[in-house]
Amino acid sequence: MVAGSTFGFGLMSFLSAHVATFDELAILRFLTGIGLGGALTNVVALTAEYARFLVSRNSDQSRIRALMRAWRRT
């Protein structure tokens, strides 16, 4: 899912640079947003699962909490 969304996002971004009309640009930018939304939500979910796995395996929980909090503020 992540690979497909990322490929779609990249392809639509590339194609949006080669449009001839505003309507084509609007459609491709919409499709780019769908691909970006799919990739971003899946990557965030996978990162949260991985962080939970690290916390359960490792006693250094403060480092992971600090990284997640720093990422959320930006």
PDB file of N, CA and C in Angstrom:
ATOM      1  N   MET A   1       0.822  -1.185   0.000  1.00  0.00           N
ATOM      2  CA  MET A   1       0.000   0.000   0.000  1.00  0.00           C
ATOM      3  C   MET A   1       0.877   1.264   0.000  1.00  0.00           C
ATOM      4  N   VAL A   2       1.893   1.250   0.831  1.00  0.00           N
ATOM      5  CA  VAL A   2       2.773   2.426   0.898  1.00  0.00           C
ATOM      6  C   VAL A   2       3.519   2.604  -0.419  1.00  0.00           C
ATOM      7  N   ALA A   3       4.005   1.513  -0.974  1.00  0.00           N
ATOM      8  CA  ALA A   3       4.753   1.609  -2.232  1.00  0.00           C
ATOM      9  C   ALA A   3       3.847   2.078  -3.370  1.00  0.00           C
ATOM     10  N   GLY A   4       2.635   1.551  -3.428  1.00  0.00           N
ATOM     11  CA  GLY A   4       1.705   1.965  -4.479  1.00  0.00           C
ATOM     12  C   GLY A   4       1.308   3.426  -4.359  1.00  0.00           C
ATOM     13  N   SER A   5       1.036   3.864  -3.133  1.00  0.00           N
ATOM     14  CA  SER A   5       0.675   5.266  -2.917  1.00  0.00           C
ATOM     15  C   SER A   5       1.835   6.195  -3.239  1.00  0.00           C
ATOM     16  N   THR A   6       3.029   5.795  -2.854  1.00  0.00           N
ATOM     17  CA  THR A   6       4.202   6.615  -3.131  1.00  0.00           C
ATOM     18  C   THR A   6       4.486   6.673  -4.634  1.00  0.00           C
ATOM     19  N   PHE A   7       4.316   5.554  -5.307  1.00  0.00           N
ATOM     20  CA  PHE A   7       4.503   5.544  -6.754  1.00  0.00           C
ATOM     21  C   PHE A   7       3.464   6.436  -7.438  1.00  0.00           C
ATOM     22  N   GLY A   8       2.211   6.332  -7.003  1.00  0.00           N
ATOM     23  CA  GLY A   8       1.161   7.165  -7.581  1.00  0.00           C
ATOM     24  C   GLY A   8       1.404   8.643  -7.328  1.00  0.00           C
ATOM     25  N   PHE A   9       1.832   8.964  -6.118  1.00  0.00           N
ATOM     26  CA  PHE A   9       2.152  10.346  -5.764  1.00  0.00           C
ATOM     27  C   PHE A   9       3.284  10.881  -6.633  1.00  0.00           C
ATOM     28  N   GLY A  10       4.327  10.092  -6.792  1.00  0.00           N
ATOM     29  CA  GLY A  10       5.466  10.526  -7.608  1.00  0.00           C
ATOM     30  C   GLY A  10       5.112  10.662  -9.077  1.00  0.00           C
ATOM     31  N   LEU A  11       4.342   9.714  -9.590  1.00  0.00           N
ATOM     32  CA  LEU A  11       3.950   9.757 -10.995  1.00  0.00           C
ATOM     33  C   LEU A  11       3.061  10.961 -11.285  1.00  0.00           C
ATOM     34  N   MET A  12       2.084  11.194 -10.434  1.00  0.00           N
ATOM     35  CA  MET A  12       1.187  12.332 -10.652  1.00  0.00           C
ATOM     36  C   MET A  12       1.924  13.664 -10.491  1.00  0.00           C
ATOM     37  N   SER A  13       2.891  13.716  -9.576  1.00  0.00           N
ATOM     38  CA  SER A  13       3.702  14.928  -9.431  1.00  0.00           C
ATOM     39  C   SER A  13       4.518  15.179 -10.688  1.00  0.00           C
ATOM     40  N   PHE A  14       5.099  14.113 -11.229  1.00  0.00           N
ATOM     41  CA  PHE A  14       5.873  14.251 -12.457  1.00  0.00           C
ATOM     42  C   PHE A  14       4.991  14.694 -13.617  1.00  0.00           C
ATOM     43  N   LEU A  15       3.826  14.080 -13.742  1.00  0.00           N
ATOM     44  CA  LEU A  15       2.934  14.416 -14.845  1.00  0.00           C
ATOM     45  C   LEU A  15       2.365  15.823 -14.722  1.00  0.00           C
ATOM     46  N   SER A  16       2.205  16.304 -13.506  1.00  0.00           N
ATOM     47  CA  SER A  16       1.650  17.654 -13.342  1.00  0.00           C
ATOM     48  C   SER A  16       2.621  18.736 -13.829  1.00  0.00           C
ATOM     49  N   ALA A  17       3.872  18.396 -13.980  1.00  0.00           N
ATOM     50  CA  ALA A  17       4.833  19.362 -14.518  1.00  0.00           C
ATOM     51  C   ALA A  17       4.738  19.488 -16.031  1.00  0.00           C
ATOM     52  N   HIS A  18       4.018  18.564 -16.660  1.00  0.00           N
ATOM     53  CA  HIS A  18       3.961  18.541 -18.121  1.00  0.00           C
ATOM     54  C   HIS A  18       2.542  18.728 -18.652  1.00  0.00           C
ATOM     55  N   VAL A  19       1.731  19.504 -17.972  1.00  0.00           N
ATOM     56  CA  VAL A  19       0.351  19.700 -18.409  1.00  0.00           C
ATOM     57  C   VAL A  19       0.259  20.889 -19.353  1.00  0.00           C
ATOM     58  N   ALA A  20      -0.840  20.920 -20.095  1.00  0.00           N
ATOM     59  CA  ALA A  20      -1.039  22.009 -21.050  1.00  0.00           C
ATOM     60  C   ALA A  20      -2.133  22.970 -20.597  1.00  0.00           C
ATOM     61  N   THR A  21      -3.091  22.493 -19.812  1.00  0.00           N
ATOM     62  CA  THR A  21      -4.209  23.345 -19.405  1.00  0.00           C
ATOM     63  C   THR A  21      -4.351  23.335 -17.891  1.00  0.00           C
ATOM     64  N   PHE A  22      -5.101  24.310 -17.410  1.00  0.00           N
ATOM     65  CA  PHE A  22      -5.339  24.398 -15.978  1.00  0.00           C
ATOM     66  C   PHE A  22      -6.196  23.235 -15.482  1.00  0.00           C
ATOM     67  N   ASP A  23      -7.139  22.782 -16.304  1.00  0.00           N
ATOM     68  CA  ASP A  23      -7.991  21.657 -15.907  1.00  0.00           C
ATOM     69  C   ASP A  23      -7.176  20.381 -15.698  1.00  0.00           C
ATOM     70  N   GLU A  24      -6.228  20.140 -16.580  1.00  0.00           N
ATOM     71  CA  GLU A  24      -5.340  18.988 -16.407  1.00  0.00           C
ATOM     72  C   GLU A  24      -4.532  19.109 -15.122  1.00  0.00           C
ATOM     73  N   LEU A  25      -4.044  20.300 -14.852  1.00  0.00           N
ATOM     74  CA  LEU A  25      -3.274  20.531 -13.630  1.00  0.00           C
ATOM     75  C   LEU A  25      -4.122  20.288 -12.392  1.00  0.00           C
ATOM     76  N   ALA A  26      -5.344  20.770 -12.395  1.00  0.00           N
ATOM     77  CA  ALA A  26      -6.223  20.592 -11.234  1.00  0.00           C
ATOM     78  C   ALA A  26      -6.511  19.115 -10.993  1.00  0.00           C
ATOM     79  N   ILE A  27      -6.763  18.365 -12.058  1.00  0.00           N
ATOM     80  CA  ILE A  27      -7.045  16.933 -11.908  1.00  0.00           C
ATOM     81  C   ILE A  27      -5.823  16.186 -11.399  1.00  0.00           C
ATOM     82  N   LEU A  28      -4.660  16.473 -11.969  1.00  0.00           N
ATOM     83  CA  LEU A  28      -3.447  15.778 -11.542  1.00  0.00           C
ATOM     84  C   LEU A  28      -3.040  16.162 -10.122  1.00  0.00           C
ATOM     85  N   ARG A  29      -3.235  17.417  -9.747  1.00  0.00           N
ATOM     86  CA  ARG A  29      -2.923  17.816  -8.375  1.00  0.00           C
ATOM     87  C   ARG A  29      -3.864  17.140  -7.373  1.00  0.00           C
ATOM     88  N   PHE A  30      -5.123  16.955  -7.760  1.00  0.00           N
ATOM     89  CA  PHE A  30      -6.063  16.229  -6.913  1.00  0.00           C
ATOM     90  C   PHE A  30      -5.609  14.783  -6.731  1.00  0.00           C
ATOM     91  N   LEU A  31      -5.224  14.142  -7.829  1.00  0.00           N
ATOM     92  CA  LEU A  31      -4.741  12.762  -7.748  1.00  0.00           C
ATOM     93  C   LEU A  31      -3.429  12.664  -6.975  1.00  0.00           C
ATOM     94  N   THR A  32      -2.590  13.686  -7.084  1.00  0.00           N
ATOM     95  CA  THR A  32      -1.360  13.737  -6.296  1.00  0.00           C
ATOM     96  C   THR A  32      -1.685  13.790  -4.810  1.00  0.00           C
ATOM     97  N   GLY A  33      -2.679  14.583  -4.457  1.00  0.00           N
ATOM     98  CA  GLY A  33      -3.093  14.670  -3.056  1.00  0.00           C
ATOM     99  C   GLY A  33      -3.639  13.367  -2.522  1.00  0.00           C
ATOM    100  N   ILE A  34      -4.359  12.618  -3.345  1.00  0.00           N
ATOM    101  CA  ILE A  34      -4.862  11.308  -2.918  1.00  0.00           C
ATOM    102  C   ILE A  34      -3.698  10.357  -2.655  1.00  0.00           C
ATOM    103  N   GLY A  35      -2.720  10.350  -3.551  1.00  0.00           N
ATOM    104  CA  GLY A  35      -1.544   9.501  -3.342  1.00  0.00           C
ATOM    105  C   GLY A  35      -0.751   9.898  -2.114  1.00  0.00           C
ATOM    106  N   LEU A  36      -0.584  11.189  -1.908  1.00  0.00           N
ATOM    107  CA  LEU A  36       0.144  11.665  -0.734  1.00  0.00           C
ATOM    108  C   LEU A  36      -0.608  11.323   0.543  1.00  0.00           C
ATOM    109  N   GLY A  37      -1.916  11.489   0.526  1.00  0.00           N
ATOM    110  CA  GLY A  37      -2.712  11.150   1.702  1.00  0.00           C
ATOM    111  C   GLY A  37      -2.647   9.672   2.034  1.00  0.00           C
ATOM    112  N   GLY A  38      -2.673   8.833   1.018  1.00  0.00           N
ATOM    113  CA  GLY A  38      -2.563   7.397   1.260  1.00  0.00           C
ATOM    114  C   GLY A  38      -1.200   7.001   1.797  1.00  0.00           C
ATOM    115  N   ALA A  39      -0.160   7.570   1.251  1.00  0.00           N
ATOM    116  CA  ALA A  39       1.193   7.237   1.712  1.00  0.00           C
ATOM    117  C   ALA A  39       1.444   7.765   3.120  1.00  0.00           C
ATOM    118  N   LEU A  40       1.050   8.988   3.375  1.00  0.00           N
ATOM    119  CA  LEU A  40       1.326   9.607   4.672  1.00  0.00           C
ATOM    120  C   LEU A  40       0.609   8.895   5.810  1.00  0.00           C
ATOM    121  N   THR A  41      -0.655   8.574   5.635  1.00  0.00           N
ATOM    122  CA  THR A  41      -1.389   7.911   6.715  1.00  0.00           C
ATOM    123  C   THR A  41      -0.844   6.516   6.986  1.00  0.00           C
ATOM    124  N   ASN A  42      -0.456   5.806   5.953  1.00  0.00           N
ATOM    125  CA  ASN A  42       0.103   4.473   6.166  1.00  0.00           C
ATOM    126  C   ASN A  42       1.469   4.522   6.824  1.00  0.00           C
ATOM    127  N   VAL A  43       2.290   5.491   6.453  1.00  0.00           N
ATOM    128  CA  VAL A  43       3.618   5.612   7.066  1.00  0.00           C
ATOM    129  C   VAL A  43       3.500   5.989   8.540  1.00  0.00           C
ATOM    130  N   VAL A  44       2.568   6.866   8.874  1.00  0.00           N
ATOM    131  CA  VAL A  44       2.370   7.233  10.281  1.00  0.00           C
ATOM    132  C   VAL A  44       1.905   6.019  11.086  1.00  0.00           C
ATOM    133  N   ALA A  45       0.995   5.228  10.533  1.00  0.00           N
ATOM    134  CA  ALA A  45       0.523   4.030  11.233  1.00  0.00           C
ATOM    135  C   ALA A  45       1.641   3.012  11.423  1.00  0.00           C
ATOM    136  N   LEU A  46       2.457   2.805  10.390  1.00  0.00           N
ATOM    137  CA  LEU A  46       3.567   1.865  10.516  1.00  0.00           C
ATOM    138  C   LEU A  46       4.613   2.353  11.509  1.00  0.00           C
ATOM    139  N   THR A  47       4.861   3.656  11.538  1.00  0.00           N
ATOM    140  CA  THR A  47       5.815   4.209  12.501  1.00  0.00           C
ATOM    141  C   THR A  47       5.315   4.032  13.929  1.00  0.00           C
ATOM    142  N   ALA A  48       4.036   4.250  14.143  1.00  0.00           N
ATOM    143  CA  ALA A  48       3.471   4.064  15.484  1.00  0.00           C
ATOM    144  C   ALA A  48       3.569   2.608  15.918  1.00  0.00           C
ATOM    145  N   GLU A  49       3.307   1.681  15.018  1.00  0.00           N
ATOM    146  CA  GLU A  49       3.426   0.262  15.352  1.00  0.00           C
ATOM    147  C   GLU A  49       4.872  -0.112  15.661  1.00  0.00           C
ATOM    148  N   TYR A  50       5.795   0.413  14.880  1.00  0.00           N
ATOM    149  CA  TYR A  50       7.210   0.119  15.102  1.00  0.00           C
ATOM    150  C   TYR A  50       7.683   0.706  16.428  1.00  0.00           C
ATOM    151  N   ALA A  51       7.234   1.918  16.744  1.00  0.00           N
ATOM    152  CA  ALA A  51       7.626   2.536  18.006  1.00  0.00           C
ATOM    153  C   ALA A  51       7.085   1.739  19.180  1.00  0.00           C
ATOM    154  N   ARG A  52       5.864   1.240  19.059  1.00  0.00           N
ATOM    155  CA  ARG A  52       5.300   0.426  20.138  1.00  0.00           C
ATOM    156  C   ARG A  52       6.103  -0.857  20.304  1.00  0.00           C
ATOM    157  N   PHE A  53       6.550  -1.446  19.197  1.00  0.00           N
ATOM    158  CA  PHE A  53       7.377  -2.644  19.251  1.00  0.00           C
ATOM    159  C   PHE A  53       8.703  -2.357  19.941  1.00  0.00           C
ATOM    160  N   LEU A  54       9.318  -1.205  19.644  1.00  0.00           N
ATOM    161  CA  LEU A  54      10.586  -0.848  20.282  1.00  0.00           C
ATOM    162  C   LEU A  54      10.408  -0.598  21.768  1.00  0.00           C
ATOM    163  N   VAL A  55       9.314   0.034  22.147  1.00  0.00           N
ATOM    164  CA  VAL A  55       9.077   0.310  23.564  1.00  0.00           C
ATOM    165  C   VAL A  55       8.889  -0.986  24.321  1.00  0.00           C
ATOM    166  N   SER A  56       8.218  -1.956  23.728  1.00  0.00           N
ATOM    167  CA  SER A  56       8.006  -3.222  24.418  1.00  0.00           C
ATOM    168  C   SER A  56       9.285  -4.041  24.514  1.00  0.00           C
ATOM    169  N   ARG A  57      10.207  -3.856  23.565  1.00  0.00           N
ATOM    170  CA  ARG A  57      11.457  -4.613  23.580  1.00  0.00           C
ATOM    171  C   ARG A  57      12.564  -3.920  24.359  1.00  0.00           C
ATOM    172  N   ASN A  58      12.547  -2.611  24.392  1.00  0.00           N
ATOM    173  CA  ASN A  58      13.668  -1.851  24.920  1.00  0.00           C
ATOM    174  C   ASN A  58      13.201  -1.051  26.129  1.00  0.00           C
ATOM    175  N   SER A  59      14.044  -0.915  27.110  1.00  0.00           N
ATOM    176  CA  SER A  59      13.666  -0.150  28.296  1.00  0.00           C
ATOM    177  C   SER A  59      13.907   1.352  28.128  1.00  0.00           C
ATOM    178  N   ASP A  60      14.447   1.762  26.997  1.00  0.00           N
ATOM    179  CA  ASP A  60      14.734   3.173  26.760  1.00  0.00           C
ATOM    180  C   ASP A  60      13.526   3.855  26.128  1.00  0.00           C
ATOM    181  N   GLN A  61      12.459   4.001  26.895  1.00  0.00           N
ATOM    182  CA  GLN A  61      11.211   4.552  26.393  1.00  0.00           C
ATOM    183  C   GLN A  61      11.273   6.060  26.222  1.00  0.00           C
ATOM    184  N   SER A  62      12.074   6.741  27.002  1.00  0.00           N
ATOM    185  CA  SER A  62      12.101   8.205  26.944  1.00  0.00           C
ATOM    186  C   SER A  62      12.619   8.717  25.597  1.00  0.00           C
ATOM    187  N   ARG A  63      13.542   8.019  24.986  1.00  0.00           N
ATOM    188  CA  ARG A  63      14.078   8.437  23.694  1.00  0.00           C
ATOM    189  C   ARG A  63      12.996   8.382  22.615  1.00  0.00           C
ATOM    190  N   ILE A  64      12.221   7.324  22.605  1.00  0.00           N
ATOM    191  CA  ILE A  64      11.162   7.186  21.603  1.00  0.00           C
ATOM    192  C   ILE A  64      10.060   8.204  21.856  1.00  0.00           C
ATOM    193  N   ARG A  65       9.711   8.422  23.102  1.00  0.00           N
ATOM    194  CA  ARG A  65       8.688   9.430  23.420  1.00  0.00           C
ATOM    195  C   ARG A  65       9.148  10.819  22.982  1.00  0.00           C
ATOM    196  N   ALA A  66      10.418  11.137  23.200  1.00  0.00           N
ATOM    197  CA  ALA A  66      10.934  12.445  22.800  1.00  0.00           C
ATOM    198  C   ALA A  66      10.896  12.610  21.287  1.00  0.00           C
ATOM    199  N   LEU A  67      11.241  11.569  20.551  1.00  0.00           N
ATOM    200  CA  LEU A  67      11.190  11.639  19.091  1.00  0.00           C
ATOM    201  C   LEU A  67       9.769  11.829  18.592  1.00  0.00           C
ATOM    202  N   MET A  68       8.822  11.108  19.165  1.00  0.00           N
ATOM    203  CA  MET A  68       7.434  11.231  18.722  1.00  0.00           C
ATOM    204  C   MET A  68       6.874  12.609  19.069  1.00  0.00           C
ATOM    205  N   ARG A  69       7.220  13.140  20.211  1.00  0.00           N
ATOM    206  CA  ARG A  69       6.736  14.473  20.585  1.00  0.00           C
ATOM    207  C   ARG A  69       7.360  15.558  19.720  1.00  0.00           C
ATOM    208  N   ALA A  70       8.621  15.428  19.396  1.00  0.00           N
ATOM    209  CA  ALA A  70       9.287  16.413  18.548  1.00  0.00           C
ATOM    210  C   ALA A  70       8.699  16.384  17.141  1.00  0.00           C
ATOM    211  N   TRP A  71       8.376  15.191  16.659  1.00  0.00           N
ATOM    212  CA  TRP A  71       7.802  15.081  15.329  1.00  0.00           C
ATOM    213  C   TRP A  71       6.398  15.671  15.284  1.00  0.00           C
ATOM    214  N   ARG A  72       5.636  15.513  16.353  1.00  0.00           N
ATOM    215  CA  ARG A  72       4.267  16.000  16.383  1.00  0.00           C
ATOM    216  C   ARG A  72       4.215  17.526  16.424  1.00  0.00           C
ATOM    217  N   ARG A  73       5.210  18.175  16.992  1.00  0.00           N
ATOM    218  CA  ARG A  73       5.217  19.648  17.100  1.00  0.00           C
ATOM    219  C   ARG A  73       5.573  20.330  15.805  1.00  0.00           C
ATOM    220  N   THR A  74       6.221  19.655  14.892  1.00  0.00           N
ATOM    221  CA  THR A  74       6.643  20.315  13.659  1.00  0.00           C
ATOM    222  C   THR A  74       5.563  20.316  12.630  1.00  0.00           C
TER     223      THR A  74
END
